[in-house]
Every structure is written in structure tokens, then in C-alpha cells.
Amino acid sequence: MAMTDTIADMLTRIRNASTAKLPVVDIPASNLKRDIARVLQEKGFIKKFVVVDDGKQGILKVLLRYTKGESAIQGLQRVSTPGLRHYVDVAKLPRVRNGLGYAIISTSKGVMTDHEARELKVGGEVIAKVW
């Protein structure tokens, strides 16, 4: 049976690995997942990510960040799903934890945080929230 929501699977794998305090999590790769991992790395939620070519779609190895034994990711929530897409314009971009967290937005100018989308004055699909 084919998986319908691969982004939710990625976020769940990261959430479970950080709860279990695992240093690395392996995720089937895709371009959108690479972009999400890039945003998480830029904002300091993960140390780094590497795409390993396995002859198929590839594997995204995500190295999680911990500070004093606590995960850098306190919360990770999927917003837009395949059954219910959540599109917003720039005026309605969500604020996560009063600006302490980030919403990951897929825009016409690429995948970025809600802060970057406000600066560029673009809206898009709200993929997830992270804090």
C-alpha cells in the first residue's frame, strides 16, 4: 500500500527520534523533504542532513541537535494534509508561539519560514509548525 502523506511521515520520524534521543534518523528522500530539512538546519533545529544515494529515491540522513540532553525540537506539527490543504496569503501567515517558533511555508519562491515569507510578502501552503 502506498503512503499518502510522506511529509507527515518525515515529521513523525523526526519527532519520534528526538523523543527517543536518537542521534540520526533515516527518511526516504524527496526534493520537498530536502527543502524542509534545509529550513530546519538553517533555523538550528537539526545539526545537518545528508542525502545518501541508494540507487532508488535516496535516503535523507538527519542528524538531530541536542542541548544539555534536550532536543532542539520541542514541538513539530503537520498543518496542511493531502485531504485538507491549508493555503494562506501574507496577511494571514500564522505566528507560532508568539514568534518563538516557525511555520514552514511552501511558496512560489521556494520553501521558507513564515518570517522570510513576510519579508518577501508572499503567501503559500503552510506545511508544518516547529518550535
C-alpha atoms as a PDB file:
ATOM      1  CA  MET A   1       0.000   0.000   0.000  1.00  0.00           C
ATOM      2  CA  ALA A   2       1.339   3.408  -0.969  1.00  0.00           C
ATOM      3  CA  MET A   3       1.927   6.069   1.660  1.00  0.00           C
ATOM      4  CA  THR A   4      -0.344   9.072   1.185  1.00  0.00           C
ATOM      5  CA  ASP A   5       1.336  11.697   3.372  1.00  0.00           C
ATOM      6  CA  THR A   6       5.108  11.402   3.144  1.00  0.00           C
ATOM      7  CA  ILE A   7       5.690  14.777   4.832  1.00  0.00           C
ATOM      8  CA  ALA A   8       3.721  13.691   7.915  1.00  0.00           C
ATOM      9  CA  ASP A   9       5.812  10.502   7.923  1.00  0.00           C
ATOM     10  CA  MET A  10       9.012  12.588   7.853  1.00  0.00           C
ATOM     11  CA  LEU A  11       7.856  14.818  10.709  1.00  0.00           C
ATOM     12  CA  THR A  12       6.735  11.802  12.754  1.00  0.00           C
ATOM     13  CA  ARG A  13      10.092  10.069  12.263  1.00  0.00           C
ATOM     14  CA  ILE A  14      11.930  13.209  13.424  1.00  0.00           C
ATOM     15  CA  ARG A  15       9.571  13.675  16.399  1.00  0.00           C
ATOM     16  CA  ASN A  16       9.905  10.021  17.479  1.00  0.00           C
ATOM     17  CA  ALA A  17      13.695  10.032  17.068  1.00  0.00           C
ATOM     18  CA  SER A  18      14.063  13.201  19.140  1.00  0.00           C
ATOM     19  CA  THR A  19      11.815  11.759  21.863  1.00  0.00           C
ATOM     20  CA  ALA A  20      13.952   8.595  21.897  1.00  0.00           C
ATOM     21  CA  LYS A  21      17.090  10.795  21.877  1.00  0.00           C
ATOM     22  CA  LEU A  22      18.473   9.112  18.754  1.00  0.00           C
ATOM     23  CA  PRO A  23      21.392  10.939  17.099  1.00  0.00           C
ATOM     24  CA  VAL A  24      20.385  10.144  13.484  1.00  0.00           C
ATOM     25  CA  VAL A  25      17.126   9.362  11.694  1.00  0.00           C
ATOM     26  CA  ASP A  26      16.818   7.915   8.158  1.00  0.00           C
ATOM     27  CA  ILE A  27      13.999   9.181   5.939  1.00  0.00           C
ATOM     28  CA  PRO A  28      13.166   8.317   2.302  1.00  0.00           C
ATOM     29  CA  ALA A  29      14.296  11.380   0.318  1.00  0.00           C
ATOM     30  CA  SER A  30      12.390  13.755  -1.958  1.00  0.00           C
ATOM     31  CA  ASN A  31      13.002  17.323  -3.105  1.00  0.00           C
ATOM     32  CA  LEU A  32      10.358  18.762  -0.748  1.00  0.00           C
ATOM     33  CA  LYS A  33      11.789  16.821   2.218  1.00  0.00           C
ATOM     34  CA  ARG A  34      15.268  18.159   1.389  1.00  0.00           C
ATOM     35  CA  ASP A  35      13.881  21.701   1.387  1.00  0.00           C
ATOM     36  CA  ILE A  36      12.146  21.153   4.739  1.00  0.00           C
ATOM     37  CA  ALA A  37      15.371  19.711   6.204  1.00  0.00           C
ATOM     38  CA  ARG A  38      17.291  22.724   4.843  1.00  0.00           C
ATOM     39  CA  VAL A  39      14.913  25.111   6.644  1.00  0.00           C
ATOM     40  CA  LEU A  40      15.205  23.087   9.878  1.00  0.00           C
ATOM     41  CA  GLN A  41      19.001  23.230   9.595  1.00  0.00           C
ATOM     42  CA  GLU A  42      19.072  26.985   8.883  1.00  0.00           C
ATOM     43  CA  LYS A  43      16.956  27.646  11.983  1.00  0.00           C
ATOM     44  CA  GLY A  44      19.084  25.391  14.205  1.00  0.00           C
ATOM     45  CA  PHE A  45      16.601  22.592  14.863  1.00  0.00           C
ATOM     46  CA  ILE A  46      18.876  19.939  13.324  1.00  0.00           C
ATOM     47  CA  LYS A  47      22.672  19.775  13.040  1.00  0.00           C
ATOM     48  CA  LYS A  48      22.782  18.777   9.391  1.00  0.00           C
ATOM     49  CA  PHE A  49      21.325  16.457   6.802  1.00  0.00           C
ATOM     50  CA  VAL A  50      22.931  14.322   4.116  1.00  0.00           C
ATOM     51  CA  VAL A  51      21.326  12.705   1.083  1.00  0.00           C
ATOM     52  CA  VAL A  52      22.655   9.177   0.525  1.00  0.00           C
ATOM     53  CA  ASP A  53      22.149   7.666  -2.933  1.00  0.00           C
ATOM     54  CA  ASP A  54      20.836   4.118  -2.598  1.00  0.00           C
ATOM     55  CA  GLY A  55      20.102   3.559  -6.291  1.00  0.00           C
ATOM     56  CA  LYS A  56      16.411   4.372  -5.770  1.00  0.00           C
ATOM     57  CA  GLN A  57      14.973   7.621  -4.425  1.00  0.00           C
ATOM     58  CA  GLY A  58      17.744   8.141  -1.890  1.00  0.00           C
ATOM     59  CA  ILE A  59      17.837   8.361   1.878  1.00  0.00           C
ATOM     60  CA  LEU A  60      17.846  11.585   3.857  1.00  0.00           C
ATOM     61  CA  LYS A  61      20.019  11.140   6.971  1.00  0.00           C
ATOM     62  CA  VAL A  62      19.077  13.805   9.503  1.00  0.00           C
ATOM     63  CA  LEU A  63      21.426  14.481  12.435  1.00  0.00           C
ATOM     64  CA  LEU A  64      19.366  15.804  15.332  1.00  0.00           C
ATOM     65  CA  ARG A  65      20.547  18.604  17.632  1.00  0.00           C
ATOM     66  CA  TYR A  66      20.504  18.253  21.417  1.00  0.00           C
ATOM     67  CA  THR A  67      21.464  20.842  24.032  1.00  0.00           C
ATOM     68  CA  LYS A  68      22.193  19.525  27.539  1.00  0.00           C
ATOM     69  CA  GLY A  69      20.317  16.336  26.684  1.00  0.00           C
ATOM     70  CA  GLU A  70      17.205  18.187  25.497  1.00  0.00           C
ATOM     71  CA  SER A  71      16.101  18.127  21.876  1.00  0.00           C
ATOM     72  CA  ALA A  72      16.200  21.417  19.979  1.00  0.00           C
ATOM     73  CA  ILE A  73      12.761  20.476  18.610  1.00  0.00           C
ATOM     74  CA  GLN A  74      10.168  20.939  21.355  1.00  0.00           C
ATOM     75  CA  GLY A  75       7.193  20.534  19.032  1.00  0.00           C
ATOM     76  CA  LEU A  76       6.557  19.585  15.422  1.00  0.00           C
ATOM     77  CA  GLN A  77       3.068  19.688  13.921  1.00  0.00           C
ATOM     78  CA  ARG A  78       1.750  18.994  10.416  1.00  0.00           C
ATOM     79  CA  VAL A  79      -0.725  21.632   9.213  1.00  0.00           C
ATOM     80  CA  SER A  80      -1.603  21.063   5.554  1.00  0.00           C
ATOM     81  CA  THR A  81      -2.513  17.465   4.677  1.00  0.00           C
ATOM     82  CA  PRO A  82      -3.325  15.792   1.343  1.00  0.00           C
ATOM     83  CA  GLY A  83      -7.015  15.733   2.302  1.00  0.00           C
ATOM     84  CA  LEU A  84      -7.131  19.303   3.590  1.00  0.00           C
ATOM     85  CA  ARG A  85      -4.665  21.764   2.102  1.00  0.00           C
ATOM     86  CA  HIS A  86      -4.090  24.952   4.084  1.00  0.00           C
ATOM     87  CA  TYR A  87      -3.213  27.967   1.920  1.00  0.00           C
ATOM     88  CA  VAL A  88      -2.762  31.462   3.347  1.00  0.00           C
ATOM     89  CA  ASP A  89      -1.903  34.875   1.976  1.00  0.00           C
ATOM     90  CA  VAL A  90       0.784  37.049   3.522  1.00  0.00           C
ATOM     91  CA  ALA A  91      -1.667  38.811   5.857  1.00  0.00           C
ATOM     92  CA  LYS A  92      -2.813  35.521   7.397  1.00  0.00           C
ATOM     93  CA  LEU A  93       0.554  33.798   7.856  1.00  0.00           C
ATOM     94  CA  PRO A  94       0.461  32.055  11.253  1.00  0.00           C
ATOM     95  CA  ARG A  95       2.606  33.107  14.203  1.00  0.00           C
ATOM     96  CA  VAL A  96       3.939  30.096  16.070  1.00  0.00           C
ATOM     97  CA  ARG A  97       4.343  30.520  19.834  1.00  0.00           C
ATOM     98  CA  ASN A  98       4.180  34.326  19.524  1.00  0.00           C
ATOM     99  CA  GLY A  99       7.099  34.383  17.100  1.00  0.00           C
ATOM    100  CA  LEU A 100       9.336  31.973  19.050  1.00  0.00           C
ATOM    101  CA  GLY A 101       8.587  29.114  16.642  1.00  0.00           C
ATOM    102  CA  TYR A 102       8.399  28.881  12.874  1.00  0.00           C
ATOM    103  CA  ALA A 103       5.809  27.882  10.332  1.00  0.00           C
ATOM    104  CA  ILE A 104       7.303  26.167   7.284  1.00  0.00           C
ATOM    105  CA  ILE A 105       5.663  27.566   4.161  1.00  0.00           C
ATOM    106  CA  SER A 106       5.833  26.317   0.568  1.00  0.00           C
ATOM    107  CA  THR A 107       5.653  29.411  -1.652  1.00  0.00           C
ATOM    108  CA  SER A 108       6.182  30.227  -5.305  1.00  0.00           C
ATOM    109  CA  LYS A 109       9.685  31.343  -4.272  1.00  0.00           C
ATOM    110  CA  GLY A 110      10.543  28.067  -2.529  1.00  0.00           C
ATOM    111  CA  VAL A 111      10.179  26.546   0.923  1.00  0.00           C
ATOM    112  CA  MET A 112      10.817  29.056   3.729  1.00  0.00           C
ATOM    113  CA  THR A 113       9.745  30.106   7.207  1.00  0.00           C
ATOM    114  CA  ASP A 114       6.825  32.404   7.935  1.00  0.00           C
ATOM    115  CA  HIS A 115       9.302  35.157   8.917  1.00  0.00           C
ATOM    116  CA  GLU A 116      11.002  35.019   5.491  1.00  0.00           C
ATOM    117  CA  ALA A 117       7.627  34.874   3.709  1.00  0.00           C
ATOM    118  CA  ARG A 118       6.520  38.050   5.499  1.00  0.00           C
ATOM    119  CA  GLU A 119       9.712  39.842   4.425  1.00  0.00           C
ATOM    120  CA  LEU A 120       9.189  38.763   0.795  1.00  0.00           C
ATOM    121  CA  LYS A 121       5.431  39.473   1.053  1.00  0.00           C
ATOM    122  CA  VAL A 122       4.372  36.059  -0.279  1.00  0.00           C
ATOM    123  CA  GLY A 123       1.822  33.533   0.931  1.00  0.00           C
ATOM    124  CA  GLY A 124       1.586  29.828   0.244  1.00  0.00           C
ATOM    125  CA  GLU A 125       0.820  26.422   1.700  1.00  0.00           C
ATOM    126  CA  VAL A 126       1.508  26.017   5.428  1.00  0.00           C
ATOM    127  CA  ILE A 127       3.337  22.682   5.596  1.00  0.00           C
ATOM    128  CA  ALA A 128       4.154  22.458   9.310  1.00  0.00           C
ATOM    129  CA  LYS A 129       4.835  24.317  12.535  1.00  0.00           C
ATOM    130  CA  VAL A 130       8.006  23.797  14.571  1.00  0.00           C
ATOM    131  CA  TRP A 131       9.063  25.219  17.931  1.00  0.00           C
END
